[in-house]
Amino acid sequence: MIKKIFLVSLFFITISGISFAEEFLLSSPALEPGKNLGIEQVYFGFGCTGKNISPALNWKGAPADTKSFAITVYDPDAPTGSGWWHWIIFNIPAAVNDIKENAGNPSLKLAPKHSIQSITDYGKPGYGGACPPEGDKPHRYIFTLYALDMEKLPLDANASGAMVGFYLNQHALAKATLTALYSR
């Protein structure tokens, strides 16, 4: 009996010493998970008439040893055989926990200092909004935030989505996603 009491006491002492990490979460005041993107996030071009504004994004609960962040927006439903990269931004400093609306427009310089926006499948850096083929099923736009174990990826603004993705998956401590939909 004393042995059981000792083991139960030891169990509770051990559990009380564990600190449970906060869940790594990505959110946006402009996006509702599983709901349609607004006209603000839709591309302007290729037959689409949106405003091509990247949404504000916020996050919390990153692992304590995070050295930088990266964000990608990817459409796995694009009829290309390989999906479509809509936004790639990396080398976001670890002290940052949000991205301003329209930070995906490199000319406005709203992205965090020292971050890099690389080439999307539209052929240029910065945010390129949703523009699926007319009449196609709703496409998924997956916003993924990566907490990384390195301060800077050894890449520049000419890096492809595949190359950035390689480094992100090699150095991710945690990922948080937010998926929105769009069709036309």
N, C-alpha and C. Protein backbone atom coordinates (compact mmCIF):
# COMPACT_ATOMS: atom_id res chain seq x y z
N MET A 1 0.83 -1.20 0.00
CA MET A 1 0.00 0.00 0.00
C MET A 1 0.87 1.26 0.00
N ILE A 2 1.89 1.29 0.81
CA ILE A 2 2.78 2.46 0.87
C ILE A 2 3.46 2.64 -0.48
N LYS A 3 3.83 1.52 -1.12
CA LYS A 3 4.47 1.58 -2.44
C LYS A 3 3.53 2.22 -3.47
N LYS A 4 2.23 1.85 -3.43
CA LYS A 4 1.24 2.43 -4.35
C LYS A 4 1.09 3.93 -4.11
N ILE A 5 1.00 4.33 -2.86
CA ILE A 5 0.86 5.75 -2.52
C ILE A 5 2.08 6.52 -3.01
N PHE A 6 3.26 5.94 -2.82
CA PHE A 6 4.49 6.58 -3.25
C PHE A 6 4.49 6.76 -4.77
N LEU A 7 4.11 5.71 -5.52
CA LEU A 7 4.09 5.78 -6.98
C LEU A 7 3.07 6.79 -7.49
N VAL A 8 1.88 6.80 -6.87
CA VAL A 8 0.85 7.77 -7.26
C VAL A 8 1.33 9.19 -6.96
N SER A 9 1.93 9.41 -5.82
CA SER A 9 2.46 10.74 -5.46
C SER A 9 3.55 11.16 -6.43
N LEU A 10 4.44 10.24 -6.76
CA LEU A 10 5.52 10.53 -7.70
C LEU A 10 4.94 10.90 -9.07
N PHE A 11 3.90 10.20 -9.51
CA PHE A 11 3.24 10.48 -10.77
C PHE A 11 2.71 11.92 -10.79
N PHE A 12 1.99 12.33 -9.74
CA PHE A 12 1.42 13.68 -9.69
C PHE A 12 2.51 14.76 -9.57
N ILE A 13 3.58 14.48 -8.87
CA ILE A 13 4.68 15.43 -8.78
C ILE A 13 5.31 15.60 -10.16
N THR A 14 5.50 14.50 -10.88
CA THR A 14 6.07 14.55 -12.21
C THR A 14 5.16 15.33 -13.17
N ILE A 15 3.87 15.04 -13.16
CA ILE A 15 2.92 15.74 -14.04
C ILE A 15 2.89 17.23 -13.73
N SER A 16 2.93 17.60 -12.45
CA SER A 16 2.84 19.02 -12.11
C SER A 16 4.08 19.78 -12.54
N GLY A 17 5.20 19.09 -12.76
CA GLY A 17 6.42 19.75 -13.21
C GLY A 17 6.49 19.93 -14.71
N ILE A 18 5.57 19.33 -15.45
CA ILE A 18 5.56 19.46 -16.90
C ILE A 18 4.84 20.74 -17.29
N SER A 19 5.48 21.51 -18.18
CA SER A 19 4.77 22.70 -18.68
C SER A 19 4.25 22.37 -20.07
N PHE A 20 2.98 22.52 -20.26
CA PHE A 20 2.36 22.21 -21.53
C PHE A 20 2.46 23.42 -22.43
N ALA A 21 3.03 23.21 -23.62
CA ALA A 21 3.23 24.30 -24.58
C ALA A 21 1.88 24.75 -25.14
N GLU A 22 1.81 26.03 -25.42
CA GLU A 22 0.62 26.59 -26.05
C GLU A 22 0.55 26.06 -27.48
N GLU A 23 -0.65 25.84 -27.99
CA GLU A 23 -0.81 25.34 -29.35
C GLU A 23 -0.38 26.42 -30.35
N PHE A 24 0.35 26.00 -31.37
CA PHE A 24 0.82 26.90 -32.43
C PHE A 24 -0.36 27.16 -33.36
N LEU A 25 -0.83 28.40 -33.41
CA LEU A 25 -2.04 28.75 -34.16
C LEU A 25 -1.81 29.91 -35.10
N LEU A 26 -2.41 29.81 -36.28
CA LEU A 26 -2.41 30.87 -37.28
C LEU A 26 -3.84 31.35 -37.45
N SER A 27 -4.04 32.67 -37.47
CA SER A 27 -5.38 33.21 -37.67
C SER A 27 -5.30 34.49 -38.51
N SER A 28 -6.47 34.94 -38.93
CA SER A 28 -6.55 36.15 -39.73
C SER A 28 -7.89 36.83 -39.49
N PRO A 29 -7.89 38.16 -39.33
CA PRO A 29 -9.18 38.85 -39.21
C PRO A 29 -9.95 38.86 -40.54
N ALA A 30 -9.26 38.56 -41.65
CA ALA A 30 -9.91 38.61 -42.97
C ALA A 30 -10.34 37.24 -43.49
N LEU A 31 -9.91 36.16 -42.83
CA LEU A 31 -10.21 34.82 -43.33
C LEU A 31 -10.88 33.97 -42.27
N GLU A 32 -11.87 33.22 -42.71
CA GLU A 32 -12.52 32.24 -41.84
C GLU A 32 -12.19 30.86 -42.37
N PRO A 33 -11.63 29.99 -41.52
CA PRO A 33 -11.27 28.65 -42.00
C PRO A 33 -12.44 27.96 -42.68
N GLY A 34 -12.17 27.41 -43.86
CA GLY A 34 -13.19 26.67 -44.61
C GLY A 34 -14.18 27.54 -45.35
N LYS A 35 -14.07 28.86 -45.24
CA LYS A 35 -14.99 29.79 -45.92
C LYS A 35 -14.31 30.40 -47.14
N ASN A 36 -15.08 31.10 -47.95
CA ASN A 36 -14.55 31.70 -49.16
C ASN A 36 -13.67 32.91 -48.87
N LEU A 37 -12.62 33.04 -49.69
CA LEU A 37 -11.79 34.23 -49.68
C LEU A 37 -12.64 35.42 -50.10
N GLY A 38 -12.30 36.59 -49.61
CA GLY A 38 -12.98 37.80 -50.05
C GLY A 38 -12.36 38.32 -51.34
N ILE A 39 -13.04 39.25 -52.00
CA ILE A 39 -12.55 39.82 -53.26
C ILE A 39 -11.18 40.48 -53.05
N GLU A 40 -10.88 40.90 -51.81
CA GLU A 40 -9.58 41.49 -51.52
C GLU A 40 -8.44 40.52 -51.80
N GLN A 41 -8.63 39.23 -51.49
CA GLN A 41 -7.57 38.24 -51.64
C GLN A 41 -7.54 37.59 -53.03
N VAL A 42 -8.43 37.98 -53.92
CA VAL A 42 -8.50 37.41 -55.27
C VAL A 42 -7.54 38.18 -56.19
N TYR A 43 -6.92 37.45 -57.09
CA TYR A 43 -5.94 38.01 -58.03
C TYR A 43 -6.60 39.03 -58.97
N PHE A 44 -5.81 39.97 -59.46
CA PHE A 44 -6.26 40.90 -60.49
C PHE A 44 -5.46 40.57 -61.74
N GLY A 45 -6.09 39.87 -62.67
CA GLY A 45 -5.43 39.43 -63.89
C GLY A 45 -5.86 38.01 -64.20
N PHE A 46 -5.44 37.46 -65.34
CA PHE A 46 -5.81 36.11 -65.76
C PHE A 46 -7.33 35.95 -65.81
N GLY A 47 -8.06 37.03 -66.01
CA GLY A 47 -9.52 36.97 -66.05
C GLY A 47 -10.19 37.19 -64.70
N CYS A 48 -9.40 37.33 -63.64
CA CYS A 48 -9.95 37.61 -62.30
C CYS A 48 -9.90 39.11 -62.04
N THR A 49 -10.85 39.60 -61.26
CA THR A 49 -10.96 41.04 -61.02
C THR A 49 -10.93 41.38 -59.54
N GLY A 50 -10.10 40.67 -58.79
CA GLY A 50 -9.97 40.95 -57.36
C GLY A 50 -9.04 42.11 -57.09
N LYS A 51 -8.76 42.32 -55.82
CA LYS A 51 -7.88 43.42 -55.42
C LYS A 51 -6.45 42.97 -55.15
N ASN A 52 -6.22 41.64 -55.10
CA ASN A 52 -4.88 41.07 -54.91
C ASN A 52 -4.19 41.59 -53.66
N ILE A 53 -4.91 41.64 -52.56
CA ILE A 53 -4.36 42.12 -51.28
C ILE A 53 -4.16 40.93 -50.36
N SER A 54 -2.94 40.75 -49.90
CA SER A 54 -2.69 39.66 -48.95
C SER A 54 -3.37 40.00 -47.62
N PRO A 55 -3.92 38.98 -46.97
CA PRO A 55 -4.62 39.24 -45.70
C PRO A 55 -3.64 39.46 -44.54
N ALA A 56 -4.11 40.17 -43.54
CA ALA A 56 -3.35 40.26 -42.29
C ALA A 56 -3.36 38.87 -41.66
N LEU A 57 -2.25 38.47 -41.07
CA LEU A 57 -2.13 37.18 -40.41
C LEU A 57 -1.54 37.38 -39.02
N ASN A 58 -1.99 36.57 -38.06
CA ASN A 58 -1.48 36.63 -36.68
C ASN A 58 -1.18 35.21 -36.24
N TRP A 59 -0.24 35.07 -35.33
CA TRP A 59 0.04 33.74 -34.79
C TRP A 59 0.49 33.82 -33.35
N LYS A 60 0.38 32.66 -32.69
CA LYS A 60 0.80 32.54 -31.30
C LYS A 60 1.19 31.08 -31.03
N GLY A 61 1.92 30.88 -29.95
CA GLY A 61 2.27 29.54 -29.51
C GLY A 61 3.45 28.92 -30.23
N ALA A 62 4.32 29.73 -30.81
CA ALA A 62 5.49 29.17 -31.50
C ALA A 62 6.41 28.49 -30.50
N PRO A 63 7.11 27.44 -30.93
CA PRO A 63 8.08 26.80 -30.04
C PRO A 63 9.11 27.82 -29.53
N ALA A 64 9.57 27.63 -28.31
CA ALA A 64 10.50 28.57 -27.68
C ALA A 64 11.81 28.73 -28.45
N ASP A 65 12.24 27.70 -29.16
CA ASP A 65 13.52 27.78 -29.87
C ASP A 65 13.38 28.21 -31.34
N THR A 66 12.25 28.84 -31.68
CA THR A 66 12.03 29.35 -33.03
C THR A 66 13.02 30.47 -33.32
N LYS A 67 13.68 30.39 -34.48
CA LYS A 67 14.64 31.42 -34.89
C LYS A 67 14.13 32.30 -36.01
N SER A 68 13.11 31.83 -36.74
CA SER A 68 12.47 32.64 -37.78
C SER A 68 11.17 31.96 -38.20
N PHE A 69 10.41 32.68 -39.02
CA PHE A 69 9.15 32.15 -39.55
C PHE A 69 9.15 32.26 -41.07
N ALA A 70 8.27 31.49 -41.67
CA ALA A 70 8.01 31.59 -43.11
C ALA A 70 6.52 31.35 -43.31
N ILE A 71 5.98 31.91 -44.37
CA ILE A 71 4.57 31.72 -44.71
C ILE A 71 4.50 31.35 -46.19
N THR A 72 3.67 30.36 -46.47
CA THR A 72 3.38 30.02 -47.86
C THR A 72 1.87 29.99 -48.04
N VAL A 73 1.44 30.28 -49.26
CA VAL A 73 0.04 30.09 -49.64
C VAL A 73 0.08 29.21 -50.88
N TYR A 74 -0.61 28.08 -50.80
CA TYR A 74 -0.53 27.05 -51.84
C TYR A 74 -1.93 26.55 -52.18
N ASP A 75 -2.17 26.37 -53.48
CA ASP A 75 -3.42 25.81 -53.98
C ASP A 75 -3.13 24.42 -54.53
N PRO A 76 -3.45 23.35 -53.79
CA PRO A 76 -3.19 22.00 -54.28
C PRO A 76 -4.16 21.57 -55.37
N ASP A 77 -5.23 22.34 -55.58
CA ASP A 77 -6.26 21.98 -56.55
C ASP A 77 -6.05 22.59 -57.94
N ALA A 78 -5.02 23.40 -58.10
CA ALA A 78 -4.76 24.01 -59.40
C ALA A 78 -4.51 22.91 -60.43
N PRO A 79 -5.06 23.05 -61.63
CA PRO A 79 -4.93 22.00 -62.64
C PRO A 79 -3.58 22.02 -63.36
N THR A 80 -2.52 21.94 -62.58
CA THR A 80 -1.17 22.00 -63.15
C THR A 80 -0.41 20.68 -62.99
N GLY A 81 -0.91 19.80 -62.16
CA GLY A 81 -0.18 18.59 -61.83
C GLY A 81 0.75 18.78 -60.64
N SER A 82 0.97 20.04 -60.27
CA SER A 82 1.87 20.32 -59.14
C SER A 82 1.33 21.41 -58.22
N GLY A 83 0.07 21.79 -58.37
CA GLY A 83 -0.48 22.85 -57.53
C GLY A 83 -0.01 24.22 -57.99
N TRP A 84 -0.21 25.23 -57.12
CA TRP A 84 0.14 26.61 -57.47
C TRP A 84 0.58 27.35 -56.21
N TRP A 85 1.79 27.92 -56.26
CA TRP A 85 2.30 28.74 -55.16
C TRP A 85 1.80 30.17 -55.33
N HIS A 86 1.05 30.66 -54.34
CA HIS A 86 0.48 32.01 -54.39
C HIS A 86 1.27 33.04 -53.59
N TRP A 87 2.02 32.57 -52.60
CA TRP A 87 2.83 33.50 -51.79
C TRP A 87 3.87 32.70 -51.05
N ILE A 88 5.07 33.25 -51.03
CA ILE A 88 6.18 32.64 -50.30
C ILE A 88 6.96 33.78 -49.66
N ILE A 89 6.97 33.82 -48.34
CA ILE A 89 7.72 34.83 -47.61
C ILE A 89 8.46 34.13 -46.48
N PHE A 90 9.76 34.39 -46.38
CA PHE A 90 10.57 33.72 -45.37
C PHE A 90 11.57 34.69 -44.75
N ASN A 91 12.33 34.19 -43.79
CA ASN A 91 13.27 35.01 -42.99
C ASN A 91 12.52 36.09 -42.20
N ILE A 92 11.33 35.75 -41.74
CA ILE A 92 10.56 36.63 -40.87
C ILE A 92 11.17 36.48 -39.47
N PRO A 93 11.62 37.55 -38.84
CA PRO A 93 12.27 37.43 -37.53
C PRO A 93 11.38 36.76 -36.47
N ALA A 94 12.03 36.05 -35.57
CA ALA A 94 11.32 35.30 -34.53
C ALA A 94 10.51 36.20 -33.60
N ALA A 95 10.87 37.46 -33.47
CA ALA A 95 10.15 38.38 -32.59
C ALA A 95 8.81 38.84 -33.19
N VAL A 96 8.59 38.56 -34.47
CA VAL A 96 7.37 38.99 -35.16
C VAL A 96 6.27 37.96 -34.92
N ASN A 97 5.04 38.42 -34.70
CA ASN A 97 3.91 37.49 -34.56
C ASN A 97 2.69 37.90 -35.38
N ASP A 98 2.94 38.74 -36.40
CA ASP A 98 1.85 39.09 -37.30
C ASP A 98 2.41 39.66 -38.60
N ILE A 99 1.56 39.66 -39.60
CA ILE A 99 1.87 40.24 -40.91
C ILE A 99 0.73 41.20 -41.23
N LYS A 100 1.08 42.39 -41.66
CA LYS A 100 0.06 43.39 -41.98
C LYS A 100 -0.67 43.06 -43.28
N GLU A 101 -1.91 43.54 -43.37
CA GLU A 101 -2.65 43.43 -44.63
C GLU A 101 -1.84 44.09 -45.74
N ASN A 102 -1.79 43.46 -46.90
CA ASN A 102 -1.11 43.93 -48.10
C ASN A 102 0.42 43.91 -47.98
N ALA A 103 0.94 43.20 -46.98
CA ALA A 103 2.39 43.03 -46.86
C ALA A 103 2.93 42.24 -48.05
N GLY A 104 2.06 41.52 -48.76
CA GLY A 104 2.46 40.75 -49.93
C GLY A 104 2.73 41.59 -51.16
N ASN A 105 2.56 42.90 -51.06
CA ASN A 105 2.91 43.81 -52.16
C ASN A 105 4.30 44.36 -51.85
N PRO A 106 5.37 43.79 -52.45
CA PRO A 106 6.73 44.21 -52.10
C PRO A 106 7.00 45.71 -52.24
N SER A 107 6.32 46.37 -53.17
CA SER A 107 6.58 47.81 -53.38
C SER A 107 6.12 48.66 -52.20
N LEU A 108 5.19 48.15 -51.38
CA LEU A 108 4.70 48.92 -50.23
C LEU A 108 5.60 48.80 -49.00
N LYS A 109 6.49 47.82 -49.00
CA LYS A 109 7.45 47.61 -47.89
C LYS A 109 6.75 47.44 -46.53
N LEU A 110 5.64 46.69 -46.52
CA LEU A 110 4.91 46.42 -45.28
C LEU A 110 5.31 45.09 -44.64
N ALA A 111 6.06 44.28 -45.37
CA ALA A 111 6.50 42.99 -44.83
C ALA A 111 7.56 43.24 -43.75
N PRO A 112 7.71 42.31 -42.80
CA PRO A 112 8.71 42.49 -41.75
C PRO A 112 10.11 42.73 -42.33
N LYS A 113 10.85 43.60 -41.66
CA LYS A 113 12.21 43.93 -42.07
C LYS A 113 13.04 42.65 -42.16
N HIS A 114 13.85 42.54 -43.19
CA HIS A 114 14.75 41.41 -43.46
C HIS A 114 14.04 40.18 -44.04
N SER A 115 12.71 40.21 -44.16
CA SER A 115 12.03 39.07 -44.76
C SER A 115 12.22 39.12 -46.27
N ILE A 116 12.06 37.97 -46.91
CA ILE A 116 12.20 37.86 -48.36
C ILE A 116 10.93 37.24 -48.93
N GLN A 117 10.41 37.87 -49.98
CA GLN A 117 9.28 37.30 -50.72
C GLN A 117 9.85 36.78 -52.02
N SER A 118 9.67 35.48 -52.27
CA SER A 118 10.27 34.90 -53.47
C SER A 118 9.22 34.64 -54.55
N ILE A 119 9.70 34.13 -55.65
CA ILE A 119 8.92 33.93 -56.87
C ILE A 119 7.73 32.99 -56.61
N THR A 120 6.56 33.41 -57.05
CA THR A 120 5.37 32.56 -57.00
C THR A 120 5.16 31.96 -58.40
N ASP A 121 4.11 31.18 -58.55
CA ASP A 121 3.83 30.62 -59.86
C ASP A 121 3.26 31.66 -60.82
N TYR A 122 3.05 32.89 -60.37
CA TYR A 122 2.71 33.98 -61.28
C TYR A 122 3.97 34.55 -61.92
N GLY A 123 5.15 34.08 -61.47
CA GLY A 123 6.41 34.50 -62.07
C GLY A 123 7.06 35.70 -61.45
N LYS A 124 6.56 36.14 -60.29
CA LYS A 124 7.15 37.30 -59.63
C LYS A 124 6.99 37.15 -58.12
N PRO A 125 7.79 37.88 -57.34
CA PRO A 125 7.66 37.82 -55.88
C PRO A 125 6.42 38.55 -55.40
N GLY A 126 5.99 38.20 -54.21
CA GLY A 126 4.85 38.85 -53.58
C GLY A 126 3.61 37.98 -53.65
N TYR A 127 2.56 38.49 -53.05
CA TYR A 127 1.29 37.77 -52.99
C TYR A 127 0.59 37.81 -54.34
N GLY A 128 0.13 36.65 -54.78
CA GLY A 128 -0.71 36.54 -55.98
C GLY A 128 -1.98 35.82 -55.56
N GLY A 129 -3.08 36.49 -55.56
CA GLY A 129 -4.33 35.94 -55.04
C GLY A 129 -4.92 34.80 -55.84
N ALA A 130 -6.03 34.31 -55.35
CA ALA A 130 -6.74 33.19 -55.96
C ALA A 130 -7.28 33.57 -57.34
N CYS A 131 -7.19 32.61 -58.27
CA CYS A 131 -7.76 32.80 -59.60
C CYS A 131 -7.92 31.44 -60.27
N PRO A 132 -8.80 30.61 -59.72
CA PRO A 132 -8.98 29.29 -60.33
C PRO A 132 -9.74 29.40 -61.66
N PRO A 133 -9.67 28.36 -62.48
CA PRO A 133 -10.42 28.38 -63.74
C PRO A 133 -11.92 28.55 -63.47
N GLU A 134 -12.60 29.30 -64.35
CA GLU A 134 -14.05 29.47 -64.23
C GLU A 134 -14.75 28.12 -64.28
N GLY A 135 -15.73 27.93 -63.40
CA GLY A 135 -16.52 26.72 -63.38
C GLY A 135 -15.87 25.54 -62.67
N ASP A 136 -14.62 25.70 -62.24
CA ASP A 136 -13.93 24.62 -61.52
C ASP A 136 -14.50 24.53 -60.10
N LYS A 137 -14.32 23.38 -59.48
CA LYS A 137 -14.76 23.20 -58.09
C LYS A 137 -14.02 24.21 -57.20
N PRO A 138 -14.52 24.49 -56.01
CA PRO A 138 -13.80 25.39 -55.11
C PRO A 138 -12.38 24.87 -54.84
N HIS A 139 -11.42 25.76 -54.97
CA HIS A 139 -10.03 25.42 -54.68
C HIS A 139 -9.72 25.74 -53.23
N ARG A 140 -8.79 24.98 -52.66
CA ARG A 140 -8.30 25.22 -51.30
C ARG A 140 -7.05 26.10 -51.35
N TYR A 141 -7.05 27.14 -50.55
CA TYR A 141 -5.89 28.03 -50.44
C TYR A 141 -5.35 27.83 -49.03
N ILE A 142 -4.22 27.13 -48.96
CA ILE A 142 -3.66 26.72 -47.67
C ILE A 142 -2.57 27.70 -47.27
N PHE A 143 -2.87 28.49 -46.25
CA PHE A 143 -1.91 29.41 -45.65
C PHE A 143 -1.16 28.60 -44.59
N THR A 144 0.14 28.45 -44.75
CA THR A 144 0.93 27.68 -43.79
C THR A 144 2.01 28.56 -43.20
N LEU A 145 2.06 28.57 -41.89
CA LEU A 145 3.09 29.28 -41.14
C LEU A 145 4.07 28.25 -40.61
N TYR A 146 5.34 28.45 -40.86
CA TYR A 146 6.40 27.56 -40.38
C TYR A 146 7.21 28.26 -39.31
N ALA A 147 7.42 27.60 -38.18
CA ALA A 147 8.39 28.04 -37.17
C ALA A 147 9.67 27.28 -37.50
N LEU A 148 10.77 28.00 -37.71
CA LEU A 148 12.00 27.39 -38.21
C LEU A 148 13.13 27.42 -37.18
N ASP A 149 14.04 26.45 -37.34
CA ASP A 149 15.17 26.35 -36.42
C ASP A 149 16.40 27.10 -36.91
N MET A 150 16.25 27.90 -37.96
CA MET A 150 17.37 28.72 -38.44
C MET A 150 16.88 30.15 -38.69
N GLU A 151 17.78 31.10 -38.46
CA GLU A 151 17.43 32.51 -38.56
C GLU A 151 17.16 32.95 -39.99
N LYS A 152 17.97 32.46 -40.93
CA LYS A 152 17.83 32.86 -42.33
C LYS A 152 18.02 31.65 -43.24
N LEU A 153 17.09 31.49 -44.18
CA LEU A 153 17.28 30.47 -45.20
C LEU A 153 18.31 31.00 -46.19
N PRO A 154 19.18 30.14 -46.72
CA PRO A 154 20.22 30.61 -47.65
C PRO A 154 19.68 30.76 -49.08
N LEU A 155 18.59 31.52 -49.21
CA LEU A 155 17.91 31.71 -50.48
C LEU A 155 17.63 33.19 -50.70
N ASP A 156 17.32 33.53 -51.94
CA ASP A 156 16.97 34.92 -52.24
C ASP A 156 15.60 34.98 -52.91
N ALA A 157 15.24 36.16 -53.40
CA ALA A 157 13.92 36.37 -53.99
C ALA A 157 13.70 35.61 -55.29
N ASN A 158 14.74 35.01 -55.85
CA ASN A 158 14.60 34.23 -57.08
C ASN A 158 14.33 32.75 -56.81
N ALA A 159 14.29 32.36 -55.55
CA ALA A 159 14.08 30.95 -55.20
C ALA A 159 12.67 30.49 -55.58
N SER A 160 12.58 29.30 -56.11
CA SER A 160 11.28 28.73 -56.49
C SER A 160 10.54 28.22 -55.26
N GLY A 161 9.24 28.00 -55.41
CA GLY A 161 8.45 27.43 -54.33
C GLY A 161 8.98 26.08 -53.89
N ALA A 162 9.39 25.25 -54.84
CA ALA A 162 9.92 23.93 -54.51
C ALA A 162 11.20 24.03 -53.69
N MET A 163 12.10 24.95 -54.06
CA MET A 163 13.36 25.10 -53.32
C MET A 163 13.09 25.63 -51.92
N VAL A 164 12.24 26.62 -51.79
CA VAL A 164 11.90 27.14 -50.46
C VAL A 164 11.24 26.04 -49.65
N GLY A 165 10.31 25.32 -50.27
CA GLY A 165 9.64 24.22 -49.58
C GLY A 165 10.60 23.17 -49.06
N PHE A 166 11.65 22.88 -49.82
CA PHE A 166 12.66 21.92 -49.38
C PHE A 166 13.28 22.39 -48.06
N TYR A 167 13.71 23.65 -48.01
CA TYR A 167 14.32 24.18 -46.78
C TYR A 167 13.32 24.26 -45.64
N LEU A 168 12.10 24.67 -45.93
CA LEU A 168 11.08 24.77 -44.88
C LEU A 168 10.84 23.42 -44.23
N ASN A 169 10.71 22.39 -45.03
CA ASN A 169 10.44 21.07 -44.48
C ASN A 169 11.65 20.47 -43.77
N GLN A 170 12.85 20.90 -44.13
CA GLN A 170 14.05 20.43 -43.43
C GLN A 170 14.25 21.12 -42.09
N HIS A 171 13.72 22.32 -41.93
CA HIS A 171 14.00 23.13 -40.74
C HIS A 171 12.77 23.50 -39.92
N ALA A 172 11.63 22.91 -40.20
CA ALA A 172 10.40 23.24 -39.47
C ALA A 172 10.41 22.63 -38.08
N LEU A 173 10.17 23.48 -37.09
CA LEU A 173 9.95 23.02 -35.71
C LEU A 173 8.46 22.75 -35.51
N ALA A 174 7.63 23.55 -36.18
CA ALA A 174 6.17 23.41 -36.08
C ALA A 174 5.54 24.10 -37.28
N LYS A 175 4.30 23.70 -37.59
CA LYS A 175 3.53 24.32 -38.67
C LYS A 175 2.13 24.61 -38.16
N ALA A 176 1.56 25.68 -38.64
CA ALA A 176 0.16 26.01 -38.37
C ALA A 176 -0.47 26.38 -39.71
N THR A 177 -1.70 25.94 -39.93
CA THR A 177 -2.34 26.22 -41.21
C THR A 177 -3.73 26.84 -41.05
N LEU A 178 -4.12 27.51 -42.08
CA LEU A 178 -5.44 28.11 -42.20
C LEU A 178 -5.84 27.91 -43.67
N THR A 179 -6.97 27.24 -43.90
CA THR A 179 -7.39 26.95 -45.27
C THR A 179 -8.68 27.69 -45.60
N ALA A 180 -8.64 28.44 -46.69
CA ALA A 180 -9.82 29.13 -47.20
C ALA A 180 -10.14 28.58 -48.58
N LEU A 181 -11.32 28.87 -49.09
CA LEU A 181 -11.78 28.35 -50.37
C LEU A 181 -12.07 29.48 -51.35
N TYR A 182 -12.07 29.15 -52.65
CA TYR A 182 -12.52 30.13 -53.64
C TYR A 182 -12.82 29.41 -54.94
N SER A 183 -13.90 29.83 -55.59
CA SER A 183 -14.23 29.37 -56.94
C SER A 183 -14.88 30.52 -57.66
N ARG A 184 -14.95 30.41 -58.98
CA ARG A 184 -15.62 31.46 -59.76
C ARG A 184 -16.34 30.84 -60.93
